[in-house]
N, C-alpha and C. Protein backbone atom coordinates (compact mmCIF):
# COMPACT_ATOMS: atom_id res chain seq x y z
N MET A 1 98.45 112.22 84.89
CA MET A 1 99.56 111.34 85.10
C MET A 1 100.74 111.72 84.19
N THR A 2 100.49 112.06 82.94
CA THR A 2 101.53 112.46 82.01
C THR A 2 102.22 113.73 82.50
N HIS A 3 101.45 114.66 83.04
CA HIS A 3 102.00 115.91 83.58
C HIS A 3 102.95 115.61 84.74
N ALA A 4 102.59 114.67 85.59
CA ALA A 4 103.42 114.30 86.73
C ALA A 4 104.74 113.68 86.25
N ARG A 5 104.68 112.86 85.20
CA ARG A 5 105.91 112.26 84.66
C ARG A 5 106.83 113.35 84.09
N GLY A 6 106.25 114.32 83.44
CA GLY A 6 107.02 115.43 82.87
C GLY A 6 107.73 116.21 83.97
N ILE A 7 107.01 116.46 85.04
CA ILE A 7 107.62 117.19 86.17
C ILE A 7 108.72 116.34 86.80
N LEU A 8 108.48 115.04 86.94
CA LEU A 8 109.48 114.14 87.50
C LEU A 8 110.74 114.10 86.62
N ARG A 9 110.54 114.02 85.31
CA ARG A 9 111.69 114.02 84.39
C ARG A 9 112.47 115.33 84.49
N LEU A 10 111.76 116.44 84.54
CA LEU A 10 112.41 117.74 84.66
C LEU A 10 113.21 117.83 85.95
N ALA A 11 112.63 117.34 87.05
CA ALA A 11 113.33 117.36 88.33
C ALA A 11 114.58 116.49 88.28
N CYS A 12 114.48 115.33 87.66
CA CYS A 12 115.64 114.43 87.53
C CYS A 12 116.74 115.06 86.67
N LEU A 13 116.34 115.67 85.56
CA LEU A 13 117.31 116.33 84.68
C LEU A 13 117.99 117.51 85.38
N THR A 14 117.21 118.28 86.12
CA THR A 14 117.76 119.42 86.86
C THR A 14 118.76 118.94 87.90
N GLY A 15 118.41 117.87 88.62
CA GLY A 15 119.32 117.31 89.63
C GLY A 15 120.60 116.79 89.00
N ALA A 16 120.47 116.09 87.89
CA ALA A 16 121.65 115.55 87.20
C ALA A 16 122.56 116.67 86.70
N LEU A 17 121.95 117.74 86.17
CA LEU A 17 122.72 118.87 85.69
C LEU A 17 123.46 119.55 86.85
N ALA A 18 122.79 119.69 87.98
CA ALA A 18 123.43 120.30 89.15
C ALA A 18 124.63 119.47 89.60
N LEU A 19 124.48 118.15 89.64
CA LEU A 19 125.58 117.27 90.04
C LEU A 19 126.74 117.35 89.04
N ALA A 20 126.43 117.36 87.77
CA ALA A 20 127.46 117.44 86.74
C ALA A 20 128.23 118.76 86.84
N THR A 21 127.51 119.85 87.09
CA THR A 21 128.15 121.16 87.22
C THR A 21 129.07 121.18 88.42
N THR A 22 128.60 120.65 89.56
CA THR A 22 129.42 120.61 90.77
C THR A 22 130.67 119.77 90.55
N ALA A 23 130.55 118.63 89.90
CA ALA A 23 131.69 117.77 89.62
C ALA A 23 132.69 118.47 88.70
N ALA A 24 132.18 119.15 87.69
CA ALA A 24 133.06 119.86 86.75
C ALA A 24 133.82 120.97 87.46
N GLU A 25 133.12 121.69 88.35
CA GLU A 25 133.78 122.76 89.11
C GLU A 25 134.85 122.18 90.01
N ALA A 26 134.57 121.06 90.66
CA ALA A 26 135.53 120.43 91.56
C ALA A 26 136.76 119.98 90.78
N GLN A 27 136.57 119.41 89.59
CA GLN A 27 137.70 118.96 88.79
C GLN A 27 138.50 120.15 88.27
N GLY A 28 137.85 121.27 88.00
CA GLY A 28 138.51 122.46 87.49
C GLY A 28 139.34 123.17 88.54
N GLU A 29 139.08 122.93 89.81
CA GLU A 29 139.81 123.57 90.89
C GLU A 29 141.15 122.87 91.06
N GLN A 30 142.19 123.60 90.80
CA GLN A 30 143.54 123.09 90.82
C GLN A 30 144.17 123.37 92.18
N SER A 31 144.98 122.48 92.68
CA SER A 31 145.72 122.74 93.91
C SER A 31 146.92 123.63 93.58
N ALA A 32 147.52 124.21 94.61
CA ALA A 32 148.72 125.02 94.40
C ALA A 32 149.84 124.18 93.80
N THR A 33 149.94 122.93 94.23
CA THR A 33 150.95 122.02 93.69
C THR A 33 150.72 121.76 92.21
N GLN A 34 149.47 121.52 91.83
CA GLN A 34 149.15 121.29 90.42
C GLN A 34 149.45 122.54 89.59
N PHE A 35 149.14 123.70 90.14
CA PHE A 35 149.45 124.96 89.45
C PHE A 35 150.96 125.08 89.23
N TYR A 36 151.74 124.84 90.29
CA TYR A 36 153.19 124.99 90.18
C TYR A 36 153.77 123.98 89.19
N THR A 37 153.24 122.78 89.20
CA THR A 37 153.69 121.76 88.24
C THR A 37 153.41 122.22 86.81
N ALA A 38 152.25 122.80 86.59
CA ALA A 38 151.92 123.33 85.25
C ALA A 38 152.84 124.49 84.88
N TYR A 39 153.14 125.35 85.86
CA TYR A 39 154.06 126.46 85.62
C TYR A 39 155.44 125.95 85.22
N ARG A 40 155.95 124.93 85.94
CA ARG A 40 157.28 124.39 85.64
C ARG A 40 157.32 123.78 84.23
N ALA A 41 156.24 123.13 83.83
CA ALA A 41 156.17 122.57 82.48
C ALA A 41 156.20 123.70 81.44
N ALA A 42 155.46 124.77 81.71
CA ALA A 42 155.44 125.92 80.80
C ALA A 42 156.81 126.59 80.77
N PHE A 43 157.45 126.70 81.93
CA PHE A 43 158.79 127.30 82.02
C PHE A 43 159.78 126.51 81.17
N ALA A 44 159.72 125.20 81.26
CA ALA A 44 160.64 124.34 80.51
C ALA A 44 160.49 124.54 79.00
N LYS A 45 159.29 124.80 78.53
CA LYS A 45 159.02 124.96 77.10
C LYS A 45 159.16 126.40 76.61
N ALA A 46 159.10 127.35 77.53
CA ALA A 46 159.06 128.76 77.16
C ALA A 46 160.35 129.20 76.46
N THR A 47 160.18 130.04 75.45
CA THR A 47 161.33 130.61 74.74
C THR A 47 161.47 132.11 75.02
N LYS A 48 160.45 132.68 75.65
CA LYS A 48 160.53 134.08 76.08
C LYS A 48 159.68 134.26 77.32
N ILE A 49 160.02 135.26 78.10
CA ILE A 49 159.39 135.46 79.40
C ILE A 49 157.90 135.80 79.28
N ASP A 50 157.52 136.42 78.18
CA ASP A 50 156.11 136.79 78.00
C ASP A 50 155.18 135.58 78.03
N GLU A 51 155.71 134.40 77.66
CA GLU A 51 154.90 133.19 77.68
C GLU A 51 154.52 132.77 79.11
N LEU A 52 155.24 133.29 80.09
CA LEU A 52 154.99 132.92 81.48
C LEU A 52 154.17 133.95 82.24
N LEU A 53 153.89 135.08 81.64
CA LEU A 53 153.14 136.14 82.32
C LEU A 53 151.80 135.68 82.87
N PRO A 54 151.06 134.81 82.18
CA PRO A 54 149.78 134.37 82.74
C PRO A 54 149.90 133.62 84.07
N TYR A 55 151.08 133.11 84.38
CA TYR A 55 151.29 132.39 85.63
C TYR A 55 151.72 133.29 86.77
N MET A 56 152.12 134.51 86.48
CA MET A 56 152.74 135.37 87.46
C MET A 56 151.74 136.27 88.19
N SER A 57 152.11 136.58 89.44
CA SER A 57 151.30 137.50 90.23
C SER A 57 151.32 138.88 89.57
N LYS A 58 150.36 139.69 89.94
CA LYS A 58 150.28 141.03 89.36
C LYS A 58 151.56 141.81 89.60
N ALA A 59 152.15 141.68 90.79
CA ALA A 59 153.37 142.41 91.12
C ALA A 59 154.54 141.97 90.25
N ARG A 60 154.73 140.65 90.10
CA ARG A 60 155.83 140.15 89.27
C ARG A 60 155.61 140.50 87.80
N LYS A 61 154.37 140.38 87.37
CA LYS A 61 154.03 140.71 85.99
C LYS A 61 154.33 142.18 85.69
N ALA A 62 153.98 143.06 86.64
CA ALA A 62 154.22 144.50 86.47
C ALA A 62 155.72 144.80 86.37
N GLU A 63 156.54 144.11 87.18
CA GLU A 63 157.99 144.29 87.13
C GLU A 63 158.52 143.96 85.74
N ILE A 64 158.07 142.84 85.22
CA ILE A 64 158.54 142.38 83.92
C ILE A 64 158.06 143.30 82.80
N GLU A 65 156.81 143.71 82.88
CA GLU A 65 156.26 144.57 81.83
C GLU A 65 156.92 145.94 81.79
N LYS A 66 157.54 146.37 82.89
CA LYS A 66 158.26 147.65 82.92
C LYS A 66 159.58 147.59 82.15
N MET A 67 160.13 146.37 82.01
CA MET A 67 161.42 146.20 81.34
C MET A 67 161.31 146.42 79.84
N PRO A 68 162.32 147.04 79.25
CA PRO A 68 162.36 147.11 77.78
C PRO A 68 162.50 145.70 77.21
N ALA A 69 162.05 145.49 75.99
CA ALA A 69 162.04 144.16 75.36
C ALA A 69 163.41 143.49 75.39
N GLY A 70 164.47 144.24 75.09
CA GLY A 70 165.82 143.67 75.08
C GLY A 70 166.25 143.20 76.45
N GLU A 71 165.90 143.96 77.46
CA GLU A 71 166.25 143.59 78.83
C GLU A 71 165.44 142.36 79.27
N ARG A 72 164.20 142.28 78.83
CA ARG A 72 163.37 141.10 79.14
C ARG A 72 164.04 139.83 78.61
N ALA A 73 164.51 139.90 77.39
CA ALA A 73 165.14 138.74 76.76
C ALA A 73 166.40 138.33 77.52
N LYS A 74 167.23 139.30 77.90
CA LYS A 74 168.45 139.01 78.64
C LYS A 74 168.13 138.43 80.02
N THR A 75 167.14 139.01 80.68
CA THR A 75 166.73 138.53 82.00
C THR A 75 166.23 137.10 81.92
N PHE A 76 165.42 136.82 80.92
CA PHE A 76 164.89 135.47 80.76
C PHE A 76 166.01 134.47 80.48
N ALA A 77 166.94 134.83 79.63
CA ALA A 77 168.07 133.95 79.32
C ALA A 77 168.87 133.67 80.58
N PHE A 78 169.07 134.68 81.40
CA PHE A 78 169.80 134.53 82.66
C PHE A 78 169.06 133.60 83.61
N ILE A 79 167.75 133.77 83.74
CA ILE A 79 166.93 132.92 84.61
C ILE A 79 166.99 131.47 84.13
N LYS A 80 166.84 131.26 82.83
CA LYS A 80 166.88 129.91 82.26
C LYS A 80 168.24 129.25 82.53
N GLU A 81 169.31 130.04 82.41
CA GLU A 81 170.65 129.51 82.63
C GLU A 81 170.86 129.09 84.09
N LEU A 82 170.34 129.87 85.01
CA LEU A 82 170.52 129.59 86.44
C LEU A 82 169.57 128.52 86.96
N ASP A 83 168.42 128.40 86.36
CA ASP A 83 167.41 127.46 86.86
C ASP A 83 167.66 126.07 86.29
N THR A 84 168.48 125.30 87.00
CA THR A 84 168.85 123.97 86.53
C THR A 84 168.22 122.86 87.37
N VAL A 85 167.32 123.22 88.26
CA VAL A 85 166.71 122.24 89.16
C VAL A 85 165.74 121.34 88.38
N THR A 86 165.89 120.03 88.57
CA THR A 86 165.02 119.06 87.93
C THR A 86 164.48 118.11 89.00
N GLN A 87 163.65 117.20 88.59
CA GLN A 87 163.05 116.19 89.49
C GLN A 87 162.43 116.85 90.72
N ILE A 88 161.69 117.92 90.47
CA ILE A 88 161.09 118.69 91.57
C ILE A 88 159.91 117.94 92.17
N LYS A 89 159.91 117.87 93.49
CA LYS A 89 158.82 117.26 94.23
C LYS A 89 158.34 118.24 95.29
N VAL A 90 157.04 118.42 95.39
CA VAL A 90 156.49 119.25 96.45
C VAL A 90 156.37 118.37 97.69
N ILE A 91 157.00 118.81 98.76
CA ILE A 91 157.04 118.05 100.01
C ILE A 91 155.89 118.47 100.93
N LYS A 92 155.55 119.76 100.89
CA LYS A 92 154.55 120.28 101.82
C LYS A 92 153.86 121.50 101.23
N GLU A 93 152.57 121.62 101.50
CA GLU A 93 151.79 122.82 101.19
C GLU A 93 151.38 123.43 102.52
N ALA A 94 151.76 124.66 102.76
CA ALA A 94 151.37 125.35 103.99
C ALA A 94 150.53 126.57 103.63
N LYS A 95 149.30 126.61 104.15
CA LYS A 95 148.42 127.74 103.86
C LYS A 95 148.98 129.02 104.48
N THR A 96 148.82 130.11 103.74
CA THR A 96 149.21 131.43 104.21
C THR A 96 148.02 132.37 104.06
N ALA A 97 148.19 133.59 104.50
CA ALA A 97 147.11 134.57 104.39
C ALA A 97 146.73 134.84 102.93
N ASN A 98 147.70 134.74 102.02
CA ASN A 98 147.47 135.06 100.60
C ASN A 98 147.37 133.84 99.70
N GLY A 99 147.63 132.65 100.23
CA GLY A 99 147.62 131.46 99.38
C GLY A 99 148.29 130.28 100.04
N VAL A 100 149.40 129.83 99.45
CA VAL A 100 150.10 128.63 99.92
C VAL A 100 151.60 128.81 99.71
N THR A 101 152.38 128.33 100.66
CA THR A 101 153.82 128.24 100.48
C THR A 101 154.15 126.77 100.26
N LEU A 102 154.82 126.49 99.16
CA LEU A 102 155.23 125.13 98.83
C LEU A 102 156.67 124.92 99.27
N SER A 103 156.91 123.83 99.97
CA SER A 103 158.27 123.40 100.29
C SER A 103 158.60 122.30 99.29
N THR A 104 159.72 122.46 98.59
CA THR A 104 160.04 121.55 97.50
C THR A 104 161.46 121.02 97.60
N GLU A 105 161.70 119.95 96.87
CA GLU A 105 163.04 119.39 96.74
C GLU A 105 163.27 119.07 95.27
N GLY A 106 164.52 119.14 94.88
CA GLY A 106 164.88 118.79 93.51
C GLY A 106 166.37 118.54 93.43
N ILE A 107 166.84 118.29 92.23
CA ILE A 107 168.26 118.04 91.98
C ILE A 107 168.79 119.18 91.11
N ASP A 108 169.88 119.80 91.57
CA ASP A 108 170.42 120.92 90.79
C ASP A 108 171.34 120.43 89.67
N GLY A 109 171.90 121.35 88.94
CA GLY A 109 172.74 121.02 87.79
C GLY A 109 174.00 120.24 88.15
N ASP A 110 174.44 120.34 89.41
CA ASP A 110 175.61 119.61 89.88
C ASP A 110 175.22 118.28 90.52
N LYS A 111 173.96 117.88 90.33
CA LYS A 111 173.43 116.61 90.88
C LYS A 111 173.37 116.61 92.41
N LYS A 112 173.21 117.79 93.00
CA LYS A 112 173.07 117.91 94.45
C LYS A 112 171.62 118.22 94.79
N LYS A 113 171.22 117.78 95.99
CA LYS A 113 169.86 118.04 96.46
C LYS A 113 169.69 119.54 96.71
N SER A 114 168.60 120.05 96.20
CA SER A 114 168.28 121.46 96.35
C SER A 114 166.89 121.58 96.97
N THR A 115 166.71 122.60 97.80
CA THR A 115 165.39 122.81 98.41
C THR A 115 164.85 124.16 97.94
N GLY A 116 163.55 124.19 97.77
CA GLY A 116 162.92 125.41 97.30
C GLY A 116 161.74 125.83 98.16
N THR A 117 161.49 127.13 98.15
CA THR A 117 160.32 127.71 98.80
C THR A 117 159.61 128.53 97.75
N ILE A 118 158.37 128.18 97.49
CA ILE A 118 157.61 128.84 96.44
C ILE A 118 156.32 129.39 97.03
N ASP A 119 156.09 130.67 96.86
CA ASP A 119 154.85 131.29 97.30
C ASP A 119 153.89 131.31 96.12
N VAL A 120 152.78 130.63 96.29
CA VAL A 120 151.72 130.60 95.28
C VAL A 120 150.55 131.35 95.91
N ILE A 121 150.12 132.41 95.26
CA ILE A 121 149.09 133.25 95.85
C ILE A 121 147.79 133.20 95.04
N ARG A 122 146.71 133.60 95.69
CA ARG A 122 145.40 133.68 95.04
C ARG A 122 145.16 135.12 94.62
N GLU A 123 144.92 135.31 93.33
CA GLU A 123 144.55 136.62 92.80
C GLU A 123 143.36 136.45 91.89
N ASP A 124 142.30 137.16 92.18
CA ASP A 124 141.09 137.10 91.36
C ASP A 124 140.61 135.66 91.18
N GLY A 125 140.74 134.86 92.24
CA GLY A 125 140.25 133.48 92.22
C GLY A 125 141.16 132.48 91.54
N ALA A 126 142.35 132.90 91.10
CA ALA A 126 143.26 131.99 90.40
C ALA A 126 144.61 131.94 91.11
N TRP A 127 145.31 130.82 90.98
CA TRP A 127 146.66 130.69 91.53
C TRP A 127 147.62 131.47 90.65
N LYS A 128 148.57 132.15 91.29
CA LYS A 128 149.62 132.89 90.58
C LYS A 128 150.93 132.69 91.32
N LEU A 129 152.02 132.74 90.58
CA LEU A 129 153.34 132.57 91.17
C LEU A 129 153.79 133.86 91.81
N GLY A 130 154.12 133.78 93.09
CA GLY A 130 154.69 134.91 93.81
C GLY A 130 156.20 134.82 93.77
N LYS A 131 156.80 134.58 94.92
CA LYS A 131 158.25 134.47 95.03
C LYS A 131 158.68 133.01 94.96
N GLU A 132 159.81 132.76 94.30
CA GLU A 132 160.37 131.42 94.21
C GLU A 132 161.85 131.50 94.54
N SER A 133 162.30 130.68 95.48
CA SER A 133 163.72 130.67 95.82
C SER A 133 164.21 129.24 96.02
N TRP A 134 165.45 129.00 95.62
CA TRP A 134 166.07 127.68 95.71
C TRP A 134 167.44 127.81 96.36
N SER A 135 167.82 126.78 97.12
CA SER A 135 169.16 126.77 97.70
C SER A 135 169.70 125.34 97.73
N THR A 136 171.01 125.26 97.59
CA THR A 136 171.71 123.97 97.63
C THR A 136 172.81 124.09 98.68
N LYS A 137 172.86 123.14 99.58
CA LYS A 137 173.90 123.16 100.62
C LYS A 137 174.99 122.17 100.27
N GLY A 138 176.23 122.60 100.56
CA GLY A 138 177.39 121.76 100.47
C GLY A 138 177.70 121.23 99.17
């Protein structure tokens, strides 16, 4: 009888561990929107472009890494100066062959509505930033 209880306890513990692992994996899986939100927070705090490399696709990362350090700094300053969109909201996630395209809205530096298209791709099982474009009409 004691042996049966031991086996029952082991089975219960194994089942509980399996459920906990599955729940942890599910919570660790980020949506493309959550990834982009985290990227925008990192972008807002970043003081140099190298801080954003972990968020970028291999192709974008390679472009940046080819630049001399001085050019990287100038490019980043230019990007920061032009990127004035705030209050960003993801309106739609559309699946693509490589990941997801996010349709977004925000307010630009002139307080006008701006729309964005952001390609978030899957590389090596993780979300990465592909192309990002914003436009403001009128």
